[in-house]
């Protein structure tokens, strides 16, 4: 076989094999998250396991914070008559009321910082780990796509690629990719312009002819192998291009179906559980969804490659040799669950802190603020779940359920603990000017 015949004919190459996307790495936290999530065969269950591990890690801080908050709530309830008297006395002087309340709380050993500091530490840990989780989500999404991309290119190379490793007579002046395949030569240009973002594959007609016969492609096109050999080269390339492009599109679709990260009813866990989203989005949504993982991001010129790789997934769909209807990614179920569970958590928290909320301000604005939070926090969760991925929704739902269960368990335990403290007269103490403690009042 004379390789020079390939290099001297400008029409004898395939130039639509797609560009490979580069990706950034994960920091050590991201790698730990990856090990936990990918250690389970089902990605969604891995996310649940990761969330439980994180919540358990910060559980001691959470217990300490809840203990302090419960104690303060009981003390505020016991001090209610005094607090209500201050509210009436300083109804028109918020500053003086706040000052008197602080003095009263200090005298009875109430410190707001006791409950806040552990919460702040937990929040910092949450923000750091969640940032790493967000980066990992984008990284995993990108890796899934790169598998499709590699399947597309492998299909192109399998059918029409001329492996230059088989032709050592070529000089080093020819540009080869990492696998030893031709990208550009002096005689075969990639595109009329200077754009070098795609691979140009030289066609091996002998290989193509054998594959086309074995796959019945010639029969479908009503062409015999003998007729193909006698065709002008430009007509041959029409058949080659159609065959290769179709095979590559189907190869990437089949890879996706075999490796996609679905969970329950959600087709693709890296996109929102929504009827407004397809399981494989348009290029602009994909680009924003992997912006952090792709390092420098994707240029607009990559859209053509993306549309090729996801052709059957963005349109009618293809799997196991059959075309499918358009598929949507979900039904808003995770979004509704995230909103409902957060509302329940806020409601329980508000009831447990009722006295503290009502007496924290002279005009009762603290209680009104808490009621607004009862509405706003679930809405914020819903908005995040709507725009973020189903992986995020799964994380938040697991986090909320864990918190609700721990709240009920810890509340029962603390009720017993504080009841015993009350019985021994150890709960409600004040300090006099000589810094000696004495029992002031027992809780009813």
Protein backbone atom coordinates (compact mmCIF):
# COMPACT_ATOMS: atom_id res chain seq x y z
CA UNK A 1 0.00 0.00 0.00
CA UNK A 2 1.42 3.38 -1.02
CA UNK A 3 0.86 5.91 1.76
CA UNK A 4 1.70 8.79 -0.59
CA UNK A 5 -1.67 8.30 -2.28
CA UNK A 6 -3.35 9.34 0.97
CA UNK A 7 -1.27 12.44 1.55
CA UNK A 8 -1.50 13.91 -1.93
CA UNK A 9 -5.29 13.91 -2.32
CA UNK A 10 -6.93 16.79 -0.49
CA UNK A 11 -10.35 15.10 -0.24
CA UNK A 12 -9.07 11.87 1.26
CA UNK A 13 -9.35 12.71 4.98
CA UNK A 14 -11.91 13.01 7.77
CA UNK A 15 -11.83 16.25 9.77
CA UNK A 16 -14.78 15.97 12.14
CA UNK A 17 -13.25 13.89 14.92
CA UNK A 18 -13.77 16.09 17.98
CA UNK A 19 -11.35 18.10 20.03
CA UNK A 20 -10.49 16.78 23.47
CA UNK A 21 -11.45 18.92 26.46
CA UNK A 22 -8.83 19.49 29.12
CA UNK A 23 -9.80 19.30 32.77
CA UNK A 24 -8.39 20.55 36.04
CA UNK A 25 -7.65 18.36 39.03
CA UNK A 26 -9.17 17.97 42.48
CA UNK A 27 -7.68 19.14 45.76
CA UNK A 28 -7.22 16.67 48.60
CA UNK A 29 -10.74 17.28 49.92
CA UNK A 30 -12.14 16.70 46.44
CA UNK A 31 -10.17 13.46 46.17
CA UNK A 32 -11.58 12.25 49.50
CA UNK A 33 -15.08 13.09 48.27
CA UNK A 34 -14.36 11.27 45.01
CA UNK A 35 -13.16 8.17 46.88
CA UNK A 36 -16.31 8.08 49.03
CA UNK A 37 -18.80 8.69 46.22
CA UNK A 38 -17.13 6.54 43.57
CA UNK A 39 -16.53 3.78 46.09
CA UNK A 40 -20.24 2.97 45.69
CA UNK A 41 -21.48 1.62 42.38
CA UNK A 42 -24.48 3.98 42.36
CA UNK A 43 -23.47 7.65 42.34
CA UNK A 44 -26.60 8.83 44.13
CA UNK A 45 -26.00 6.43 47.02
CA UNK A 46 -22.39 7.59 47.12
CA UNK A 47 -23.59 11.18 47.58
CA UNK A 48 -25.88 10.07 50.41
CA UNK A 49 -22.96 8.24 52.06
CA UNK A 50 -20.70 11.29 51.70
CA UNK A 51 -23.35 13.56 53.27
CA UNK A 52 -23.82 11.20 56.23
CA UNK A 53 -20.05 11.04 56.74
CA UNK A 54 -19.75 14.84 56.73
CA UNK A 55 -22.67 15.33 59.13
CA UNK A 56 -21.23 12.70 61.48
CA UNK A 57 -17.86 14.47 61.40
CA UNK A 58 -19.35 17.74 62.66
CA UNK A 59 -21.86 16.02 64.98
CA UNK A 60 -19.91 16.80 68.22
CA UNK A 61 -20.04 20.53 67.39
CA UNK A 62 -23.72 20.21 66.54
CA UNK A 63 -24.49 18.44 69.84
CA UNK A 64 -22.64 21.10 71.84
CA UNK A 65 -24.45 23.90 70.00
CA UNK A 66 -27.86 22.28 70.48
CA UNK A 67 -27.13 21.70 74.17
CA UNK A 68 -26.31 25.38 74.69
CA UNK A 69 -29.32 26.50 72.65
CA UNK A 70 -31.66 24.22 74.61
CA UNK A 71 -30.31 25.47 77.91
CA UNK A 72 -30.70 29.08 76.87
CA UNK A 73 -34.24 28.41 75.68
CA UNK A 74 -35.19 26.93 79.07
CA UNK A 75 -33.58 29.81 80.93
CA UNK A 76 -35.34 32.35 78.73
CA UNK A 77 -38.63 30.58 79.43
CA UNK A 78 -37.97 30.75 83.18
CA UNK A 79 -37.06 34.44 82.88
CA UNK A 80 -40.16 35.25 80.83
CA UNK A 81 -41.92 37.33 83.55
CA UNK A 82 -38.84 39.49 84.00
CA UNK A 83 -38.35 39.84 80.23
CA UNK A 84 -41.98 40.81 79.67
CA UNK A 85 -41.67 43.41 82.44
CA UNK A 86 -38.62 44.88 80.66
CA UNK A 87 -40.53 44.93 77.37
CA UNK A 88 -43.27 47.05 78.94
CA UNK A 89 -40.82 49.27 80.80
CA UNK A 90 -38.63 50.03 77.77
CA UNK A 91 -41.21 49.70 75.01
CA UNK A 92 -40.02 52.96 73.42
CA UNK A 93 -36.31 52.52 74.03
CA UNK A 94 -34.92 49.53 72.12
CA UNK A 95 -31.33 50.33 72.97
CA UNK A 96 -31.96 50.40 76.71
CA UNK A 97 -34.05 47.24 76.47
CA UNK A 98 -31.24 45.39 74.73
CA UNK A 99 -28.80 46.60 77.36
CA UNK A 100 -31.01 45.44 80.24
CA UNK A 101 -31.62 42.10 78.57
CA UNK A 102 -27.89 41.54 78.16
CA UNK A 103 -27.35 42.36 81.84
CA UNK A 104 -30.11 39.98 82.87
CA UNK A 105 -28.81 37.19 80.66
CA UNK A 106 -25.27 37.67 81.93
CA UNK A 107 -26.48 37.55 85.52
CA UNK A 108 -28.17 34.22 84.84
CA UNK A 109 -25.25 32.71 82.92
CA UNK A 110 -26.72 32.99 79.43
CA UNK A 111 -24.18 33.51 76.65
CA UNK A 112 -25.29 33.67 73.03
CA UNK A 113 -21.74 32.97 71.91
CA UNK A 114 -21.85 29.56 73.60
CA UNK A 115 -24.26 28.30 70.95
CA UNK A 116 -23.04 30.46 68.07
CA UNK A 117 -19.33 29.60 68.00
CA UNK A 118 -19.81 25.85 67.33
CA UNK A 119 -22.39 26.74 64.68
CA UNK A 120 -19.92 29.11 63.01
CA UNK A 121 -17.19 26.46 63.01
CA UNK A 122 -19.62 23.92 61.53
CA UNK A 123 -20.68 26.46 58.90
CA UNK A 124 -17.06 27.11 57.88
CA UNK A 125 -16.42 23.37 57.54
CA UNK A 126 -19.63 23.02 55.54
CA UNK A 127 -18.70 25.84 53.15
CA UNK A 128 -15.18 24.48 52.53
CA UNK A 129 -16.35 20.91 51.97
CA UNK A 130 -19.38 21.93 49.93
CA UNK A 131 -17.16 24.02 47.65
CA UNK A 132 -15.02 20.93 47.07
CA UNK A 133 -18.19 18.88 46.50
CA UNK A 134 -19.40 21.39 43.91
CA UNK A 135 -16.06 21.19 42.11
CA UNK A 136 -16.16 17.39 42.22
CA UNK A 137 -19.70 17.40 40.76
CA UNK A 138 -18.49 19.42 37.79
CA UNK A 139 -15.40 17.23 37.49
CA UNK A 140 -17.48 14.03 37.46
CA UNK A 141 -19.85 15.54 34.90
CA UNK A 142 -16.91 16.45 32.68
CA UNK A 143 -15.35 13.01 33.00
CA UNK A 144 -18.63 11.46 31.91
CA UNK A 145 -18.65 13.64 28.82
CA UNK A 146 -15.00 12.90 28.08
CA UNK A 147 -15.87 9.21 27.97
CA UNK A 148 -18.44 10.01 25.28
CA UNK A 149 -15.88 12.14 23.47
CA UNK A 150 -13.33 9.32 23.49
CA UNK A 151 -15.93 6.85 22.24
CA UNK A 152 -16.78 9.19 19.36
CA UNK A 153 -13.13 9.55 18.33
CA UNK A 154 -12.45 5.85 18.81
CA UNK A 155 -15.30 5.06 16.44
CA UNK A 156 -13.83 7.40 13.82
CA UNK A 157 -10.38 5.93 14.19
CA UNK A 158 -11.63 2.34 14.19
CA UNK A 159 -13.34 2.66 10.84
CA UNK A 160 -11.25 5.04 8.75
CA UNK A 161 -8.06 5.95 10.51
CA UNK A 162 -4.79 5.17 8.82
CA UNK A 163 -2.35 4.33 11.60
CA UNK A 164 0.92 6.00 10.65
CA UNK A 165 2.81 3.66 12.97
CA UNK A 166 2.36 1.12 10.20
CA UNK A 167 4.24 3.37 7.75
CA UNK A 168 7.70 4.18 9.19
CA UNK A 169 8.79 5.75 5.89
CA UNK A 170 7.02 8.99 6.86
CA UNK A 171 9.37 11.66 8.15
CA UNK A 172 9.19 13.50 11.46
CA UNK A 173 7.93 16.55 9.61
CA UNK A 174 4.43 15.09 9.77
CA UNK A 175 2.47 16.07 12.86
CA UNK A 176 1.27 13.10 14.91
CA UNK A 177 -0.94 12.96 17.96
CA UNK A 178 -0.06 11.09 21.15
CA UNK A 179 -1.25 7.80 19.67
CA UNK A 180 0.89 8.17 16.56
CA UNK A 181 -1.96 9.19 14.25
CA UNK A 182 -1.80 11.95 11.66
CA UNK A 183 -3.16 15.33 12.70
CA UNK A 184 -1.75 17.59 9.98
CA UNK A 185 0.74 17.30 7.18
CA UNK A 186 2.20 19.73 4.69
CA UNK A 187 -0.08 18.29 1.98
CA UNK A 188 -3.31 17.74 3.89
CA UNK A 189 -4.71 20.80 5.62
CA UNK A 190 -7.17 20.51 8.48
CA UNK A 191 -9.43 23.35 7.35
CA UNK A 192 -9.26 26.18 4.82
CA UNK A 193 -8.52 28.54 7.75
CA UNK A 194 -5.74 28.26 10.32
CA UNK A 195 -8.10 26.66 12.84
CA UNK A 196 -6.42 23.58 14.28
CA UNK A 197 -8.99 22.59 16.89
CA UNK A 198 -10.00 19.29 15.27
CA UNK A 199 -8.19 16.17 14.21
CA UNK A 200 -7.81 15.28 10.52
CA UNK A 201 -7.87 11.54 9.96
CA UNK A 202 -6.49 10.11 6.73
CA UNK A 203 -8.85 7.52 5.25
CA UNK A 204 -7.71 3.97 4.67
CA UNK A 205 -10.13 2.90 1.93
CA UNK A 206 -9.16 -0.76 2.29
CA UNK A 207 -10.15 -0.76 5.96
CA UNK A 208 -13.33 1.15 5.26
CA UNK A 209 -14.37 -1.17 2.46
CA UNK A 210 -13.99 -4.25 4.67
CA UNK A 211 -15.95 -2.64 7.52
CA UNK A 212 -18.68 -1.41 5.18
CA UNK A 213 -19.14 -4.88 3.76
CA UNK A 214 -19.17 -6.57 7.19
CA UNK A 215 -21.73 -4.10 8.56
CA UNK A 216 -24.00 -4.32 5.48
CA UNK A 217 -23.52 -0.61 4.91
CA UNK A 218 -22.92 -1.10 1.20
CA UNK A 219 -26.09 -3.18 0.97
CA UNK A 220 -28.09 -0.44 2.69
CA UNK A 221 -26.74 2.11 0.23
CA UNK A 222 -27.34 -0.27 -2.67
CA UNK A 223 -23.64 -0.22 -3.57
CA UNK A 224 -21.36 -3.20 -4.14
CA UNK A 225 -17.71 -3.38 -3.15
CA UNK A 226 -16.77 -3.50 -6.81
CA UNK A 227 -18.80 -0.36 -7.56
CA UNK A 228 -17.18 1.41 -4.61
CA UNK A 229 -13.69 0.67 -5.91
CA UNK A 230 -14.48 2.19 -9.29
CA UNK A 231 -16.13 5.35 -7.89
CA UNK A 232 -14.45 8.75 -8.18
CA UNK A 233 -12.80 9.71 -4.92
CA UNK A 234 -15.22 12.51 -4.10
CA UNK A 235 -18.16 10.08 -4.33
CA UNK A 236 -16.31 7.58 -2.16
CA UNK A 237 -15.82 10.24 0.48
CA UNK A 238 -19.57 10.96 0.63
CA UNK A 239 -20.19 7.35 1.62
CA UNK A 240 -17.24 7.35 4.01
CA UNK A 241 -18.25 10.53 5.78
CA UNK A 242 -21.88 9.50 6.26
CA UNK A 243 -20.88 6.09 7.55
CA UNK A 244 -18.22 7.36 9.93
CA UNK A 245 -20.26 10.23 11.33
CA UNK A 246 -23.30 8.03 11.99
CA UNK A 247 -21.19 5.37 13.68
CA UNK A 248 -19.40 7.90 15.87
CA UNK A 249 -22.64 9.58 16.97
CA UNK A 250 -24.12 6.23 17.93
CA UNK A 251 -20.95 5.15 19.72
CA UNK A 252 -21.01 8.22 21.98
CA UNK A 253 -24.74 7.73 22.67
CA UNK A 254 -24.22 4.08 23.56
CA UNK A 255 -21.36 4.98 25.91
CA UNK A 256 -23.58 7.49 27.69
CA UNK A 257 -26.39 4.98 28.11
CA UNK A 258 -24.00 2.41 29.52
CA UNK A 259 -22.22 4.77 31.93
CA UNK A 260 -24.64 7.57 32.76
CA UNK A 261 -25.06 8.63 36.41
CA UNK A 262 -28.79 8.17 36.92
CA UNK A 263 -30.47 7.98 40.33
CA UNK A 264 -34.03 6.92 41.03
CA UNK A 265 -36.19 8.83 38.50
CA UNK A 266 -33.45 11.34 37.62
CA UNK A 267 -31.86 10.52 34.26
CA UNK A 268 -28.64 12.50 34.84
CA UNK A 269 -27.71 13.37 38.43
CA UNK A 270 -25.40 16.19 37.35
CA UNK A 271 -28.33 18.31 36.13
CA UNK A 272 -31.51 19.48 37.92
CA UNK A 273 -34.45 17.18 38.58
CA UNK A 274 -36.72 19.16 36.26
CA UNK A 275 -39.07 18.78 33.33
CA UNK A 276 -37.46 21.94 31.96
CA UNK A 277 -34.11 20.18 31.59
CA UNK A 278 -33.09 17.42 29.22
CA UNK A 279 -30.75 14.82 30.60
CA UNK A 280 -28.16 16.06 28.09
CA UNK A 281 -28.36 19.86 27.82
CA UNK A 282 -27.51 22.33 25.10
CA UNK A 283 -23.92 23.54 24.83
CA UNK A 284 -24.34 26.78 26.84
CA UNK A 285 -25.79 24.88 29.82
CA UNK A 286 -23.09 22.22 29.60
CA UNK A 287 -20.35 24.85 29.41
CA UNK A 288 -21.60 26.59 32.57
CA UNK A 289 -22.12 23.26 34.36
CA UNK A 290 -18.44 22.27 34.01
CA UNK A 291 -16.87 25.77 34.08
CA UNK A 292 -14.75 25.13 37.20
CA UNK A 293 -13.69 21.61 36.26
CA UNK A 294 -12.65 22.57 32.71
CA UNK A 295 -9.97 24.94 33.97
CA UNK A 296 -9.98 27.81 31.49
CA UNK A 297 -13.52 26.97 30.34
CA UNK A 298 -14.79 26.16 26.87
CA UNK A 299 -14.56 28.42 23.88
CA UNK A 300 -17.55 28.99 21.61
CA UNK A 301 -15.69 27.14 18.84
CA UNK A 302 -16.13 23.87 20.75
CA UNK A 303 -19.91 23.94 20.33
CA UNK A 304 -19.71 22.14 16.98
CA UNK A 305 -17.77 19.27 18.56
CA UNK A 306 -20.18 19.10 21.51
CA UNK A 307 -23.17 18.96 19.20
CA UNK A 308 -21.58 16.08 17.32
CA UNK A 309 -20.82 14.05 20.45
CA UNK A 310 -24.31 14.59 21.91
CA UNK A 311 -26.21 14.50 18.61
CA UNK A 312 -28.55 11.60 19.40
CA UNK A 313 -28.84 12.53 23.06
CA UNK A 314 -29.96 16.10 22.44
CA UNK A 315 -32.36 15.17 19.66
CA UNK A 316 -34.36 11.95 19.48
CA UNK A 317 -31.96 9.76 21.42
CA UNK A 318 -30.38 6.47 20.46
CA UNK A 319 -29.70 3.33 22.46
CA UNK A 320 -29.05 -0.31 21.54
CA UNK A 321 -29.75 0.33 17.89
CA UNK A 322 -33.09 2.07 18.50
CA UNK A 323 -34.14 5.69 18.32
CA UNK A 324 -35.82 7.04 21.44
CA UNK A 325 -38.16 9.94 22.12
CA UNK A 326 -36.98 13.13 23.80
CA UNK A 327 -36.11 12.50 27.43
CA UNK A 328 -36.34 14.96 30.29
CA UNK A 329 -34.20 14.82 33.36
CA UNK A 330 -36.81 14.64 36.10
CA UNK A 331 -40.14 15.73 37.54
CA UNK A 332 -39.27 18.38 40.21
CA UNK A 333 -39.62 15.73 42.95
CA UNK A 334 -36.24 16.40 44.60
CA UNK A 335 -36.89 20.15 44.44
CA UNK A 336 -40.26 19.77 46.20
CA UNK A 337 -38.72 17.44 48.80
CA UNK A 338 -35.90 19.92 49.49
CA UNK A 339 -38.43 22.73 50.05
CA UNK A 340 -40.79 20.64 52.20
CA UNK A 341 -38.10 19.17 54.44
CA UNK A 342 -36.43 22.52 55.00
CA UNK A 343 -39.82 24.03 55.93
CA UNK A 344 -40.34 21.22 58.46
CA UNK A 345 -36.88 21.73 59.94
CA UNK A 346 -37.39 25.48 60.25
CA UNK A 347 -40.81 24.97 61.83
CA UNK A 348 -39.47 22.56 64.47
CA UNK A 349 -36.54 24.88 65.21
CA UNK A 350 -38.89 27.85 65.57
CA UNK A 351 -41.12 25.98 68.04
CA UNK A 352 -38.15 24.90 70.13
CA UNK A 353 -36.84 28.48 70.33
CA UNK A 354 -40.24 30.12 70.78
CA UNK A 355 -39.46 31.99 74.02
CA UNK A 356 -36.05 33.18 72.85
CA UNK A 357 -37.53 34.45 69.58
CA UNK A 358 -40.41 36.30 71.23
CA UNK A 359 -38.28 37.95 73.92
CA UNK A 360 -35.13 38.73 71.94
CA UNK A 361 -36.50 42.16 70.91
CA UNK A 362 -38.69 44.68 72.75
CA UNK A 363 -41.26 44.91 69.95
CA UNK A 364 -41.39 41.24 69.01
CA UNK A 365 -39.61 41.82 65.69
CA UNK A 366 -37.32 38.87 66.42
CA UNK A 367 -40.29 36.50 66.27
CA UNK A 368 -41.47 38.07 63.02
CA UNK A 369 -37.99 37.69 61.54
CA UNK A 370 -38.02 34.02 62.49
CA UNK A 371 -41.37 33.56 60.76
CA UNK A 372 -39.97 35.17 57.62
CA UNK A 373 -37.04 32.78 57.78
CA UNK A 374 -39.57 29.95 57.95
CA UNK A 375 -40.67 31.03 54.47
CA UNK A 376 -37.41 32.29 52.98
CA UNK A 377 -35.08 29.38 53.79
CA UNK A 378 -37.21 26.74 52.01
CA UNK A 379 -37.57 29.07 49.02
CA UNK A 380 -33.79 29.56 48.87
CA UNK A 381 -33.31 25.79 48.99
CA UNK A 382 -35.85 25.42 46.21
CA UNK A 383 -34.10 27.99 44.01
CA UNK A 384 -30.72 26.33 44.54
CA UNK A 385 -32.20 22.90 43.77
CA UNK A 386 -33.85 24.28 40.64
CA UNK A 387 -30.65 25.73 39.20
CA UNK A 388 -28.10 23.33 40.69
CA UNK A 389 -27.81 19.63 39.98
CA UNK A 390 -29.86 16.74 41.32
CA UNK A 391 -26.64 15.77 43.14
CA UNK A 392 -26.94 19.02 45.12
CA UNK A 393 -30.62 18.31 45.87
CA UNK A 394 -29.73 14.80 47.04
CA UNK A 395 -27.04 16.25 49.30
CA UNK A 396 -29.36 18.85 50.84
CA UNK A 397 -32.25 16.42 51.34
CA UNK A 398 -29.98 13.91 53.08
CA UNK A 399 -28.48 16.71 55.17
CA UNK A 400 -31.93 17.93 56.26
CA UNK A 401 -33.27 14.46 57.09
CA UNK A 402 -30.16 13.75 59.16
CA UNK A 403 -30.60 17.05 61.03
CA UNK A 404 -34.30 16.38 61.67
CA UNK A 405 -33.61 12.93 63.10
CA UNK A 406 -30.78 14.20 65.29
CA UNK A 407 -32.95 17.10 66.47
CA UNK A 408 -35.69 14.76 67.67
CA UNK A 409 -33.25 12.34 69.32
CA UNK A 410 -31.13 15.02 71.00
CA UNK A 411 -34.18 16.94 72.14
CA UNK A 412 -35.53 13.91 73.98
CA UNK A 413 -32.15 13.21 75.57
CA UNK A 414 -31.67 16.84 76.60
CA UNK A 415 -35.15 17.02 78.10
CA UNK A 416 -34.15 14.18 80.44
CA UNK A 417 -30.75 15.76 81.22
CA UNK A 418 -32.17 19.20 81.99
CA UNK A 419 -35.06 17.77 84.01
CA UNK A 420 -32.50 16.08 86.28
CA UNK A 421 -30.48 19.30 86.52
CA UNK A 422 -33.64 21.15 87.46
CA UNK A 423 -34.50 18.57 90.11
CA UNK A 424 -31.05 19.03 91.65
CA UNK A 425 -31.34 22.81 91.44
CA UNK A 426 -28.34 23.06 89.10
CA UNK A 427 -30.00 24.61 86.07
CA UNK A 428 -30.95 28.17 86.99
CA UNK A 429 -28.21 30.05 88.82
CA UNK A 430 -27.27 33.71 89.19
CA UNK A 431 -24.17 35.46 90.37
CA UNK A 432 -24.24 38.15 93.07
CA UNK A 433 -21.75 40.97 93.39
CA UNK A 434 -19.40 38.83 95.49
CA UNK A 435 -19.23 36.32 92.66
CA UNK A 436 -20.93 33.61 94.76
CA UNK A 437 -23.55 31.44 93.09
CA UNK A 438 -26.88 30.58 94.55
CA UNK A 439 -30.09 29.01 93.36
CA UNK A 440 -32.49 31.62 92.19
CA UNK A 441 -35.44 29.77 90.87
CA UNK A 442 -36.41 26.32 89.84
CA UNK A 443 -38.06 25.71 86.53
CA UNK A 444 -41.63 24.60 86.61
